[in-house]
PDB file of all heavy atoms in Angstrom:
ATOM      1  N   GLU A   1       2.078   8.944 -17.367  1.00  0.00           N
ATOM      2  CA  GLU A   1       3.388   8.339 -17.595  1.00  0.00           C
ATOM      3  C   GLU A   1       4.257   8.627 -16.350  1.00  0.00           C
ATOM      4  O   GLU A   1       5.010   7.707 -15.891  1.00  0.00           O
ATOM      5  CB  GLU A   1       4.072   8.842 -18.838  1.00  0.00           C
ATOM      6  CG  GLU A   1       3.542   8.260 -20.143  1.00  0.00           C
ATOM      7  CD  GLU A   1       3.795   6.800 -20.268  1.00  0.00           C
ATOM      8  OE1 GLU A   1       4.729   6.302 -19.690  1.00  0.00           O
ATOM      9  OE2 GLU A   1       3.071   6.204 -21.094  1.00  0.00           O
ATOM     10  N   ILE A   2       4.144   9.853 -15.855  1.00  0.00           N
ATOM     11  CA  ILE A   2       5.008  10.127 -14.629  1.00  0.00           C
ATOM     12  C   ILE A   2       4.558   9.321 -13.418  1.00  0.00           C
ATOM     13  O   ILE A   2       5.389   8.790 -12.715  1.00  0.00           O
ATOM     14  CB  ILE A   2       4.899  11.755 -14.332  1.00  0.00           C
ATOM     15  CG1 ILE A   2       5.575  12.452 -15.451  1.00  0.00           C
ATOM     16  CG2 ILE A   2       5.474  12.052 -12.990  1.00  0.00           C
ATOM     17  CD1 ILE A   2       5.317  14.024 -15.367  1.00  0.00           C
ATOM     18  N   PHE A   3       3.200   9.295 -13.221  1.00  0.00           N
ATOM     19  CA  PHE A   3       2.706   8.472 -12.161  1.00  0.00           C
ATOM     20  C   PHE A   3       3.077   7.003 -12.274  1.00  0.00           C
ATOM     21  O   PHE A   3       3.402   6.339 -11.358  1.00  0.00           O
ATOM     22  CB  PHE A   3       1.136   8.704 -12.058  1.00  0.00           C
ATOM     23  CG  PHE A   3       0.492   7.864 -11.008  1.00  0.00           C
ATOM     24  CD1 PHE A   3       0.856   8.061  -9.742  1.00  0.00           C
ATOM     25  CD2 PHE A   3      -0.566   6.977 -11.304  1.00  0.00           C
ATOM     26  CE1 PHE A   3       0.258   7.361  -8.720  1.00  0.00           C
ATOM     27  CE2 PHE A   3      -1.219   6.303 -10.336  1.00  0.00           C
ATOM     28  CZ  PHE A   3      -0.836   6.546  -9.014  1.00  0.00           C
ATOM     29  N   LEU A   4       2.986   6.498 -13.567  1.00  0.00           N
ATOM     30  CA  LEU A   4       3.342   5.101 -13.775  1.00  0.00           C
ATOM     31  C   LEU A   4       4.784   4.865 -13.516  1.00  0.00           C
ATOM     32  O   LEU A   4       5.075   3.792 -12.988  1.00  0.00           O
ATOM     33  CB  LEU A   4       2.973   4.802 -15.272  1.00  0.00           C
ATOM     34  CG  LEU A   4       2.979   3.369 -15.666  1.00  0.00           C
ATOM     35  CD1 LEU A   4       2.158   2.455 -14.817  1.00  0.00           C
ATOM     36  CD2 LEU A   4       2.643   3.174 -17.181  1.00  0.00           C
ATOM     37  N   SER A   5       5.629   5.800 -13.787  1.00  0.00           N
ATOM     38  CA  SER A   5       7.073   5.628 -13.409  1.00  0.00           C
ATOM     39  C   SER A   5       7.305   5.526 -11.935  1.00  0.00           C
ATOM     40  O   SER A   5       8.116   4.717 -11.448  1.00  0.00           O
ATOM     41  CB  SER A   5       7.944   6.744 -14.053  1.00  0.00           C
ATOM     42  OG  SER A   5       7.709   7.946 -13.354  1.00  0.00           O
ATOM     43  N   LEU A   6       6.530   6.281 -11.139  1.00  0.00           N
ATOM     44  CA  LEU A   6       6.565   6.158  -9.727  1.00  0.00           C
ATOM     45  C   LEU A   6       6.041   4.829  -9.199  1.00  0.00           C
ATOM     46  O   LEU A   6       6.702   4.250  -8.325  1.00  0.00           O
ATOM     47  CB  LEU A   6       5.771   7.336  -9.034  1.00  0.00           C
ATOM     48  CG  LEU A   6       6.439   8.691  -9.211  1.00  0.00           C
ATOM     49  CD1 LEU A   6       5.445   9.774  -8.789  1.00  0.00           C
ATOM     50  CD2 LEU A   6       7.771   8.861  -8.554  1.00  0.00           C
ATOM     51  N   LEU A   7       5.049   4.357  -9.862  1.00  0.00           N
ATOM     52  CA  LEU A   7       4.469   2.996  -9.459  1.00  0.00           C
ATOM     53  C   LEU A   7       5.530   1.882  -9.842  1.00  0.00           C
ATOM     54  O   LEU A   7       5.543   0.942  -9.182  1.00  0.00           O
ATOM     55  CB  LEU A   7       3.077   2.752 -10.090  1.00  0.00           C
ATOM     56  CG  LEU A   7       1.999   3.693  -9.626  1.00  0.00           C
ATOM     57  CD1 LEU A   7       0.688   3.367 -10.362  1.00  0.00           C
ATOM     58  CD2 LEU A   7       1.890   3.627  -8.147  1.00  0.00           C
ATOM     59  N   TYR A   8       6.197   2.105 -11.027  1.00  0.00           N
ATOM     60  CA  TYR A   8       7.256   1.167 -11.330  1.00  0.00           C
ATOM     61  C   TYR A   8       8.255   1.107 -10.273  1.00  0.00           C
ATOM     62  O   TYR A   8       8.815   0.029  -9.934  1.00  0.00           O
ATOM     63  CB  TYR A   8       7.883   1.457 -12.661  1.00  0.00           C
ATOM     64  CG  TYR A   8       7.028   1.098 -13.906  1.00  0.00           C
ATOM     65  CD1 TYR A   8       6.974   1.886 -15.073  1.00  0.00           C
ATOM     66  CD2 TYR A   8       6.257  -0.093 -13.932  1.00  0.00           C
ATOM     67  CE1 TYR A   8       6.331   1.615 -16.150  1.00  0.00           C
ATOM     68  CE2 TYR A   8       5.564  -0.370 -15.102  1.00  0.00           C
ATOM     69  CZ  TYR A   8       5.573   0.424 -16.168  1.00  0.00           C
ATOM     70  OH  TYR A   8       4.827   0.087 -17.285  1.00  0.00           O
ATOM     71  N   GLN A   9       8.643   2.275  -9.780  1.00  0.00           N
ATOM     72  CA  GLN A   9       9.670   2.347  -8.685  1.00  0.00           C
ATOM     73  C   GLN A   9       9.147   1.614  -7.516  1.00  0.00           C
ATOM     74  O   GLN A   9       9.890   0.847  -6.810  1.00  0.00           O
ATOM     75  CB  GLN A   9      10.002   3.793  -8.323  1.00  0.00           C
ATOM     76  CG  GLN A   9      10.944   3.961  -7.133  1.00  0.00           C
ATOM     77  CD  GLN A   9      12.305   3.331  -7.529  1.00  0.00           C
ATOM     78  OE1 GLN A   9      12.717   3.362  -8.625  1.00  0.00           O
ATOM     79  NE2 GLN A   9      12.980   2.967  -6.462  1.00  0.00           N
ATOM     80  N   CYS A  10       7.855   1.719  -7.182  1.00  0.00           N
ATOM     81  CA  CYS A  10       7.264   0.947  -5.966  1.00  0.00           C
ATOM     82  C   CYS A  10       7.332  -0.486  -6.190  1.00  0.00           C
ATOM     83  O   CYS A  10       7.452  -1.305  -5.218  1.00  0.00           O
ATOM     84  CB  CYS A  10       5.859   1.439  -5.793  1.00  0.00           C
ATOM     85  SG  CYS A  10       5.772   3.107  -5.030  1.00  0.00           S
ATOM     86  N   SER A  11       7.215  -0.980  -7.489  1.00  0.00           N
ATOM     87  CA  SER A  11       7.280  -2.377  -7.767  1.00  0.00           C
ATOM     88  C   SER A  11       8.607  -3.024  -7.544  1.00  0.00           C
ATOM     89  O   SER A  11       8.724  -4.255  -7.534  1.00  0.00           O
ATOM     90  CB  SER A  11       6.732  -2.699  -9.133  1.00  0.00           C
ATOM     91  OG  SER A  11       7.701  -2.238 -10.186  1.00  0.00           O
ATOM     92  N   HIS A  12       9.631  -2.252  -7.389  1.00  0.00           N
ATOM     93  CA  HIS A  12      10.985  -2.735  -7.061  1.00  0.00           C
ATOM     94  C   HIS A  12      11.377  -2.698  -5.573  1.00  0.00           C
ATOM     95  O   HIS A  12      12.361  -3.154  -5.222  1.00  0.00           O
ATOM     96  CB  HIS A  12      12.055  -1.941  -7.834  1.00  0.00           C
ATOM     97  CG  HIS A  12      11.923  -2.082  -9.326  1.00  0.00           C
ATOM     98  ND1 HIS A  12      12.104  -3.195  -9.969  1.00  0.00           N
ATOM     99  CD2 HIS A  12      11.596  -1.127 -10.212  1.00  0.00           C
ATOM    100  CE1 HIS A  12      11.928  -2.973 -11.290  1.00  0.00           C
ATOM    101  NE2 HIS A  12      11.593  -1.707 -11.500  1.00  0.00           N
ATOM    102  N   LEU A  13      10.340  -2.222  -4.798  1.00  0.00           N
ATOM    103  CA  LEU A  13      10.585  -2.144  -3.349  1.00  0.00           C
ATOM    104  C   LEU A  13       9.878  -3.320  -2.646  1.00  0.00           C
ATOM    105  O   LEU A  13       8.880  -3.793  -3.063  1.00  0.00           O
ATOM    106  CB  LEU A  13      10.065  -0.784  -2.825  1.00  0.00           C
ATOM    107  CG  LEU A  13      10.585   0.450  -3.479  1.00  0.00           C
ATOM    108  CD1 LEU A  13       9.905   1.639  -2.829  1.00  0.00           C
ATOM    109  CD2 LEU A  13      12.068   0.601  -3.333  1.00  0.00           C
ATOM    110  N   ASP A  14      10.434  -3.645  -1.487  1.00  0.00           N
ATOM    111  CA  ASP A  14       9.842  -4.758  -0.662  1.00  0.00           C
ATOM    112  C   ASP A  14       8.971  -4.083   0.419  1.00  0.00           C
ATOM    113  O   ASP A  14       9.412  -3.383   1.268  1.00  0.00           O
ATOM    114  CB  ASP A  14      10.946  -5.587  -0.016  1.00  0.00           C
ATOM    115  CG  ASP A  14      11.710  -6.428  -1.049  1.00  0.00           C
ATOM    116  OD1 ASP A  14      10.993  -6.927  -1.988  1.00  0.00           O
ATOM    117  OD2 ASP A  14      12.826  -6.648  -0.898  1.00  0.00           O
ATOM    118  N   PHE A  15       7.750  -4.372   0.287  1.00  0.00           N
ATOM    119  CA  PHE A  15       6.720  -3.844   1.265  1.00  0.00           C
ATOM    120  C   PHE A  15       6.331  -5.045   2.155  1.00  0.00           C
ATOM    121  O   PHE A  15       5.815  -6.099   1.625  1.00  0.00           O
ATOM    122  CB  PHE A  15       5.442  -3.260   0.611  1.00  0.00           C
ATOM    123  CG  PHE A  15       5.710  -1.959   0.028  1.00  0.00           C
ATOM    124  CD1 PHE A  15       6.194  -1.817  -1.235  1.00  0.00           C
ATOM    125  CD2 PHE A  15       5.434  -0.861   0.768  1.00  0.00           C
ATOM    126  CE1 PHE A  15       6.447  -0.597  -1.803  1.00  0.00           C
ATOM    127  CE2 PHE A  15       5.614   0.406   0.150  1.00  0.00           C
ATOM    128  CZ  PHE A  15       6.081   0.594  -1.119  1.00  0.00           C
ATOM    129  N   ASN A  16       6.490  -4.985   3.471  1.00  0.00           N
ATOM    130  CA  ASN A  16       6.081  -5.996   4.404  1.00  0.00           C
ATOM    131  C   ASN A  16       4.874  -5.443   5.242  1.00  0.00           C
ATOM    132  O   ASN A  16       5.018  -4.982   6.283  1.00  0.00           O
ATOM    133  CB  ASN A  16       7.269  -6.385   5.351  1.00  0.00           C
ATOM    134  CG  ASN A  16       6.890  -7.504   6.266  1.00  0.00           C
ATOM    135  OD1 ASN A  16       5.971  -8.270   5.978  1.00  0.00           O
ATOM    136  ND2 ASN A  16       7.709  -7.706   7.354  1.00  0.00           N
ATOM    137  N   LEU A  17       3.723  -5.621   4.608  1.00  0.00           N
ATOM    138  CA  LEU A  17       2.529  -5.034   5.164  1.00  0.00           C
ATOM    139  C   LEU A  17       1.621  -6.156   5.764  1.00  0.00           C
ATOM    140  O   LEU A  17       1.490  -7.180   5.197  1.00  0.00           O
ATOM    141  CB  LEU A  17       1.747  -4.180   4.160  1.00  0.00           C
ATOM    142  CG  LEU A  17       2.489  -3.090   3.442  1.00  0.00           C
ATOM    143  CD1 LEU A  17       1.649  -2.449   2.368  1.00  0.00           C
ATOM    144  CD2 LEU A  17       3.072  -2.090   4.370  1.00  0.00           C
ATOM    145  N   ASN A  18       0.934  -5.830   6.847  1.00  0.00           N
ATOM    146  CA  ASN A  18       0.008  -6.802   7.375  1.00  0.00           C
ATOM    147  C   ASN A  18      -1.297  -6.716   6.694  1.00  0.00           C
ATOM    148  O   ASN A  18      -2.133  -5.735   6.821  1.00  0.00           O
ATOM    149  CB  ASN A  18      -0.174  -6.423   8.930  1.00  0.00           C
ATOM    150  CG  ASN A  18      -1.027  -7.461   9.603  1.00  0.00           C
ATOM    151  OD1 ASN A  18      -1.648  -8.297   9.011  1.00  0.00           O
ATOM    152  ND2 ASN A  18      -1.091  -7.407  10.905  1.00  0.00           N
ATOM    153  N   ILE A  19      -1.599  -7.696   5.896  1.00  0.00           N
ATOM    154  CA  ILE A  19      -2.796  -7.710   5.048  1.00  0.00           C
ATOM    155  C   ILE A  19      -4.025  -8.311   5.797  1.00  0.00           C
ATOM    156  O   ILE A  19      -5.089  -8.056   5.575  1.00  0.00           O
ATOM    157  CB  ILE A  19      -2.533  -8.499   3.682  1.00  0.00           C
ATOM    158  CG1 ILE A  19      -1.341  -7.793   2.991  1.00  0.00           C
ATOM    159  CG2 ILE A  19      -3.701  -8.495   2.819  1.00  0.00           C
ATOM    160  CD1 ILE A  19      -1.500  -6.402   2.654  1.00  0.00           C
ATOM    161  N   GLU A  20      -3.674  -9.234   6.689  1.00  0.00           N
ATOM    162  CA  GLU A  20      -4.737  -9.900   7.486  1.00  0.00           C
ATOM    163  C   GLU A  20      -5.574  -8.922   8.325  1.00  0.00           C
ATOM    164  O   GLU A  20      -6.756  -9.028   8.575  1.00  0.00           O
ATOM    165  CB  GLU A  20      -4.207 -10.990   8.377  1.00  0.00           C
ATOM    166  CG  GLU A  20      -3.746 -12.215   7.587  1.00  0.00           C
ATOM    167  CD  GLU A  20      -2.367 -12.012   6.898  1.00  0.00           C
ATOM    168  OE1 GLU A  20      -1.570 -11.184   7.517  1.00  0.00           O
ATOM    169  OE2 GLU A  20      -2.174 -12.541   5.844  1.00  0.00           O
ATOM    170  N   ASN A  21      -4.909  -7.871   8.846  1.00  0.00           N
ATOM    171  CA  ASN A  21      -5.510  -6.858   9.663  1.00  0.00           C
ATOM    172  C   ASN A  21      -6.093  -5.744   8.731  1.00  0.00           C
ATOM    173  O   ASN A  21      -5.603  -4.702   8.574  1.00  0.00           O
ATOM    174  CB  ASN A  21      -4.473  -6.272  10.606  1.00  0.00           C
ATOM    175  CG  ASN A  21      -5.087  -5.384  11.644  1.00  0.00           C
ATOM    176  OD1 ASN A  21      -6.324  -5.240  11.795  1.00  0.00           O
ATOM    177  ND2 ASN A  21      -4.210  -4.627  12.340  1.00  0.00           N
ATOM    178  N   ALA A  22      -7.304  -6.048   8.254  1.00  0.00           N
ATOM    179  CA  ALA A  22      -7.844  -5.146   7.160  1.00  0.00           C
ATOM    180  C   ALA A  22      -9.231  -4.662   7.460  1.00  0.00           C
ATOM    181  O   ALA A  22      -9.740  -3.943   6.634  1.00  0.00           O
ATOM    182  CB  ALA A  22      -7.832  -5.891   5.768  1.00  0.00           C
ATOM    183  N   SER A  23      -9.857  -5.086   8.483  1.00  0.00           N
ATOM    184  CA  SER A  23     -11.307  -4.731   8.764  1.00  0.00           C
ATOM    185  C   SER A  23     -11.493  -3.207   8.922  1.00  0.00           C
ATOM    186  O   SER A  23     -12.573  -2.699   8.694  1.00  0.00           O
ATOM    187  CB  SER A  23     -11.862  -5.480   9.899  1.00  0.00           C
ATOM    188  OG  SER A  23     -11.117  -5.152  11.071  1.00  0.00           O
ATOM    189  N   PHE A  24     -10.452  -2.559   9.345  1.00  0.00           N
ATOM    190  CA  PHE A  24     -10.490  -1.028   9.580  1.00  0.00           C
ATOM    191  C   PHE A  24     -10.513  -0.293   8.215  1.00  0.00           C
ATOM    192  O   PHE A  24     -10.992   0.944   8.211  1.00  0.00           O
ATOM    193  CB  PHE A  24      -9.346  -0.584  10.352  1.00  0.00           C
ATOM    194  CG  PHE A  24      -7.944  -0.864   9.603  1.00  0.00           C
ATOM    195  CD1 PHE A  24      -7.398   0.284   8.941  1.00  0.00           C
ATOM    196  CD2 PHE A  24      -7.316  -2.084   9.628  1.00  0.00           C
ATOM    197  CE1 PHE A  24      -6.209   0.036   8.213  1.00  0.00           C
ATOM    198  CE2 PHE A  24      -6.123  -2.253   9.044  1.00  0.00           C
ATOM    199  CZ  PHE A  24      -5.592  -1.084   8.308  1.00  0.00           C
ATOM    200  N   LEU A  25     -10.168  -0.841   7.115  1.00  0.00           N
ATOM    201  CA  LEU A  25     -10.076  -0.127   5.814  1.00  0.00           C
ATOM    202  C   LEU A  25     -11.343   0.401   5.313  1.00  0.00           C
ATOM    203  O   LEU A  25     -11.390   1.294   4.442  1.00  0.00           O
ATOM    204  CB  LEU A  25      -9.385  -1.013   4.759  1.00  0.00           C
ATOM    205  CG  LEU A  25      -7.885  -1.316   5.020  1.00  0.00           C
ATOM    206  CD1 LEU A  25      -7.350  -2.280   4.111  1.00  0.00           C
ATOM    207  CD2 LEU A  25      -7.040  -0.003   5.036  1.00  0.00           C
ATOM    208  N   ASP A  26     -12.489  -0.176   5.762  1.00  0.00           N
ATOM    209  CA  ASP A  26     -13.816   0.380   5.354  1.00  0.00           C
ATOM    210  C   ASP A  26     -14.036   1.800   5.846  1.00  0.00           C
ATOM    211  O   ASP A  26     -14.710   2.503   5.251  1.00  0.00           O
ATOM    212  CB  ASP A  26     -14.934  -0.547   5.839  1.00  0.00           C
ATOM    213  CG  ASP A  26     -15.096  -1.823   5.061  1.00  0.00           C
ATOM    214  OD1 ASP A  26     -14.831  -1.736   3.804  1.00  0.00           O
ATOM    215  OD2 ASP A  26     -15.518  -2.836   5.606  1.00  0.00           O
ATOM    216  N   GLU A  27     -13.381   2.105   6.999  1.00  0.00           N
ATOM    217  CA  GLU A  27     -13.616   3.393   7.627  1.00  0.00           C
ATOM    218  C   GLU A  27     -12.358   4.275   7.512  1.00  0.00           C
ATOM    219  O   GLU A  27     -12.632   5.528   7.336  1.00  0.00           O
ATOM    220  CB  GLU A  27     -13.908   3.204   9.100  1.00  0.00           C
ATOM    221  CG  GLU A  27     -15.220   2.344   9.351  1.00  0.00           C
ATOM    222  CD  GLU A  27     -16.448   2.957   8.839  1.00  0.00           C
ATOM    223  OE1 GLU A  27     -16.564   4.228   8.870  1.00  0.00           O
ATOM    224  OE2 GLU A  27     -17.268   2.260   8.283  1.00  0.00           O
ATOM    225  N   THR A  28     -11.183   3.822   7.643  1.00  0.00           N
ATOM    226  CA  THR A  28     -10.003   4.687   7.804  1.00  0.00           C
ATOM    227  C   THR A  28      -8.771   4.002   7.381  1.00  0.00           C
ATOM    228  O   THR A  28      -8.668   2.781   7.165  1.00  0.00           O
ATOM    229  CB  THR A  28      -9.814   5.142   9.314  1.00  0.00           C
ATOM    230  OG1 THR A  28      -8.638   5.954   9.292  1.00  0.00           O
ATOM    231  CG2 THR A  28      -9.574   3.920  10.169  1.00  0.00           C
ATOM    232  N   TRP A  29      -7.764   4.728   7.096  1.00  0.00           N
ATOM    233  CA  TRP A  29      -6.450   4.177   6.727  1.00  0.00           C
ATOM    234  C   TRP A  29      -5.565   3.915   7.992  1.00  0.00           C
ATOM    235  O   TRP A  29      -4.575   3.244   7.924  1.00  0.00           O
ATOM    236  CB  TRP A  29      -5.648   5.162   5.834  1.00  0.00           C
ATOM    237  CG  TRP A  29      -5.920   5.107   4.395  1.00  0.00           C
ATOM    238  CD1 TRP A  29      -6.649   6.011   3.684  1.00  0.00           C
ATOM    239  CD2 TRP A  29      -5.504   4.103   3.479  1.00  0.00           C
ATOM    240  NE1 TRP A  29      -6.641   5.644   2.320  1.00  0.00           N
ATOM    241  CE2 TRP A  29      -5.998   4.513   2.194  1.00  0.00           C
ATOM    242  CE3 TRP A  29      -4.758   2.921   3.572  1.00  0.00           C
ATOM    243  CZ2 TRP A  29      -5.712   3.759   1.024  1.00  0.00           C
ATOM    244  CZ3 TRP A  29      -4.501   2.260   2.430  1.00  0.00           C
ATOM    245  CH2 TRP A  29      -5.023   2.641   1.155  1.00  0.00           C
ATOM    246  N   GLN A  30      -5.970   4.518   9.160  1.00  0.00           N
ATOM    247  CA  GLN A  30      -5.285   4.406  10.387  1.00  0.00           C
ATOM    248  C   GLN A  30      -5.158   2.896  10.789  1.00  0.00           C
ATOM    249  O   GLN A  30      -6.195   2.297  11.015  1.00  0.00           O
ATOM    250  CB  GLN A  30      -5.895   5.207  11.512  1.00  0.00           C
ATOM    251  CG  GLN A  30      -5.889   6.648  11.239  1.00  0.00           C
ATOM    252  CD  GLN A  30      -4.493   7.323  11.506  1.00  0.00           C
ATOM    253  OE1 GLN A  30      -3.630   6.745  12.110  1.00  0.00           O
ATOM    254  NE2 GLN A  30      -4.259   8.405  10.820  1.00  0.00           N
ATOM    255  N   LEU A  31      -3.935   2.434  10.916  1.00  0.00           N
ATOM    256  CA  LEU A  31      -3.735   1.063  11.321  1.00  0.00           C
ATOM    257  C   LEU A  31      -3.985   0.844  12.791  1.00  0.00           C
ATOM    258  O   LEU A  31      -3.382   1.452  13.630  1.00  0.00           O
ATOM    259  CB  LEU A  31      -2.359   0.557  10.927  1.00  0.00           C
ATOM    260  CG  LEU A  31      -1.943  -0.867  11.137  1.00  0.00           C
ATOM    261  CD1 LEU A  31      -2.770  -1.736  10.181  1.00  0.00           C
ATOM    262  CD2 LEU A  31      -0.472  -1.085  10.878  1.00  0.00           C
ATOM    263  N   PRO A  32      -4.906   0.011  13.220  1.00  0.00           N
ATOM    264  CA  PRO A  32      -5.107  -0.199  14.633  1.00  0.00           C
ATOM    265  C   PRO A  32      -4.038  -1.030  15.202  1.00  0.00           C
ATOM    266  O   PRO A  32      -3.279  -1.716  14.495  1.00  0.00           O
ATOM    267  CB  PRO A  32      -6.513  -0.941  14.667  1.00  0.00           C
ATOM    268  CG  PRO A  32      -6.534  -1.618  13.384  1.00  0.00           C
ATOM    269  CD  PRO A  32      -5.844  -0.740  12.409  1.00  0.00           C
TER     270      PRO A  32
END
């Protein structure tokens, strides 16, 4: 429930993330 409340908070935020640049995610989180 605590974790879910944090995720609810994230659902109210605007994230502008580059989704097209994703081929690196198989290996690392580091954004090239």
